[in-house]
């Protein structure tokens, strides 16, 4: 009986993992280093696990405070090994990044958790959490 329950749990976990990957949205990430003031919180610091939303996501600021899990999926340039394999970071949207060239503009701390900052721009998958 215990084996059947364990097997069932493993199957459920695998299906949930595949389902969550299917819900991820592809995009690109850049990074920034000056965190205040921000469009959402003014001069109130929100820590370093933060990001700014590009114009298509901004929606008049309705995205402020939304949390996203971000995973690097590959380089945007010909140099390999931009991603730190298997790592993700969760960030809070605190700012607007008009014309920033990426979907999400991550804090430098968040960016370097998932990718080598020397690349500047990387492909990502992101999911609201």
Protein backbone atom coordinates (compact mmCIF):
# COMPACT_ATOMS: atom_id res chain seq x y z
CA UNK A 1 0.00 0.00 0.00
CA UNK A 2 2.82 2.42 0.86
CA UNK A 3 4.46 1.83 -2.54
CA UNK A 4 1.20 2.61 -4.34
CA UNK A 5 0.82 5.88 -2.39
CA UNK A 6 4.44 6.86 -3.04
CA UNK A 7 4.10 6.05 -6.73
CA UNK A 8 0.90 8.12 -6.91
CA UNK A 9 2.63 11.09 -5.24
CA UNK A 10 5.51 10.88 -7.71
CA UNK A 11 3.12 10.87 -10.68
CA UNK A 12 1.18 13.86 -9.28
CA UNK A 13 4.44 15.79 -8.73
CA UNK A 14 5.60 15.07 -12.28
CA UNK A 15 2.30 16.19 -13.81
CA UNK A 16 2.26 19.34 -11.67
CA UNK A 17 5.81 20.16 -12.74
CA UNK A 18 4.99 19.73 -16.43
CA UNK A 19 1.80 21.79 -16.02
CA UNK A 20 3.65 24.66 -14.29
CA UNK A 21 6.31 24.72 -17.03
CA UNK A 22 3.58 24.95 -19.65
CA UNK A 23 2.19 28.05 -17.95
CA UNK A 24 5.50 29.92 -18.02
CA UNK A 25 5.71 32.90 -20.37
CA UNK A 26 8.87 33.43 -22.42
CA UNK A 27 10.58 36.81 -22.46
CA UNK A 28 13.90 38.52 -21.87
CA UNK A 29 15.53 40.01 -18.81
CA UNK A 30 17.95 42.88 -18.33
CA UNK A 31 19.16 44.35 -15.02
CA UNK A 32 19.46 47.66 -13.21
CA UNK A 33 21.25 48.90 -10.10
CA UNK A 34 19.42 51.99 -8.74
CA UNK A 35 16.30 50.86 -6.87
CA UNK A 36 14.77 54.03 -5.44
CA UNK A 37 12.73 55.95 -6.19
CA UNK A 38 10.41 53.47 -7.88
CA UNK A 39 7.17 54.06 -9.78
CA UNK A 40 5.22 51.82 -7.38
CA UNK A 41 6.68 52.71 -3.97
CA UNK A 42 8.41 56.09 -4.34
CA UNK A 43 11.39 56.37 -1.99
CA UNK A 44 10.40 53.36 0.13
CA UNK A 45 13.01 50.62 -0.36
CA UNK A 46 11.56 47.21 -1.24
CA UNK A 47 14.78 45.19 -0.90
CA UNK A 48 16.85 43.72 -3.71
CA UNK A 49 14.63 40.85 -4.96
CA UNK A 50 12.78 43.23 -7.24
CA UNK A 51 12.10 44.01 -10.88
CA UNK A 52 10.70 46.66 -13.18
CA UNK A 53 7.99 45.79 -15.71
CA UNK A 54 8.25 46.64 -19.39
CA UNK A 55 5.56 48.65 -21.17
CA UNK A 56 3.50 45.60 -22.27
CA UNK A 57 3.27 44.35 -18.66
CA UNK A 58 2.95 47.71 -16.88
CA UNK A 59 -0.83 48.16 -17.40
CA UNK A 60 -0.97 51.57 -15.75
CA UNK A 61 0.80 50.29 -12.64
CA UNK A 62 -1.71 47.52 -11.88
CA UNK A 63 1.23 45.08 -11.86
CA UNK A 64 2.82 46.78 -8.82
CA UNK A 65 3.49 44.28 -6.03
CA UNK A 66 3.00 41.24 -8.25
CA UNK A 67 5.49 38.44 -7.64
CA UNK A 68 7.12 36.46 -10.47
CA UNK A 69 9.30 33.38 -10.55
CA UNK A 70 11.96 33.97 -13.21
CA UNK A 71 14.20 31.33 -14.78
CA UNK A 72 16.98 31.94 -17.30
CA UNK A 73 16.49 29.79 -20.41
CA UNK A 74 19.37 30.85 -22.65
CA UNK A 75 21.53 33.58 -24.14
CA UNK A 76 20.35 36.30 -26.49
CA UNK A 77 23.83 36.57 -28.00
CA UNK A 78 26.26 34.03 -29.45
CA UNK A 79 28.11 33.49 -26.16
CA UNK A 80 27.19 30.26 -24.39
CA UNK A 81 26.77 29.62 -20.68
CA UNK A 82 24.82 32.73 -19.81
CA UNK A 83 22.43 30.90 -17.45
CA UNK A 84 23.25 29.49 -14.05
CA UNK A 85 21.74 26.02 -14.57
CA UNK A 86 18.59 25.14 -12.72
CA UNK A 87 18.23 28.37 -10.79
CA UNK A 88 15.17 30.57 -10.48
CA UNK A 89 14.50 33.72 -8.53
CA UNK A 90 11.28 35.25 -7.25
CA UNK A 91 10.98 39.01 -7.65
CA UNK A 92 8.44 41.68 -6.77
CA UNK A 93 7.45 44.28 -9.37
CA UNK A 94 8.28 47.69 -7.92
CA UNK A 95 8.94 49.86 -10.95
CA UNK A 96 8.18 50.64 -14.59
CA UNK A 97 10.84 50.22 -17.24
CA UNK A 98 9.63 52.12 -20.31
CA UNK A 99 11.58 51.06 -23.37
CA UNK A 100 14.08 49.00 -21.35
CA UNK A 101 14.52 46.38 -24.06
CA UNK A 102 13.51 43.44 -21.90
CA UNK A 103 10.30 41.99 -20.55
CA UNK A 104 11.54 42.30 -16.97
CA UNK A 105 14.35 44.53 -15.74
CA UNK A 106 15.67 42.64 -12.71
CA UNK A 107 17.71 44.01 -9.85
CA UNK A 108 21.37 43.13 -10.35
CA UNK A 109 21.17 40.74 -7.38
CA UNK A 110 18.23 38.87 -8.92
CA UNK A 111 19.81 38.78 -12.39
CA UNK A 112 23.14 37.41 -11.16
CA UNK A 113 21.28 34.65 -9.31
CA UNK A 114 20.04 33.23 -12.62
CA UNK A 115 22.63 34.47 -15.15
CA UNK A 116 26.07 35.95 -15.61
CA UNK A 117 25.65 39.77 -15.62
CA UNK A 118 28.32 40.10 -18.33
CA UNK A 119 25.64 38.97 -20.83
CA UNK A 120 23.37 41.92 -19.96
CA UNK A 121 20.27 40.37 -21.60
CA UNK A 122 19.09 36.77 -21.35
CA UNK A 123 16.06 34.75 -22.39
CA UNK A 124 13.74 33.88 -19.53
CA UNK A 125 10.55 32.11 -18.59
CA UNK A 126 8.46 33.86 -15.97
CA UNK A 127 5.40 32.82 -14.02
CA UNK A 128 3.27 34.80 -11.62
CA UNK A 129 3.35 33.33 -8.10
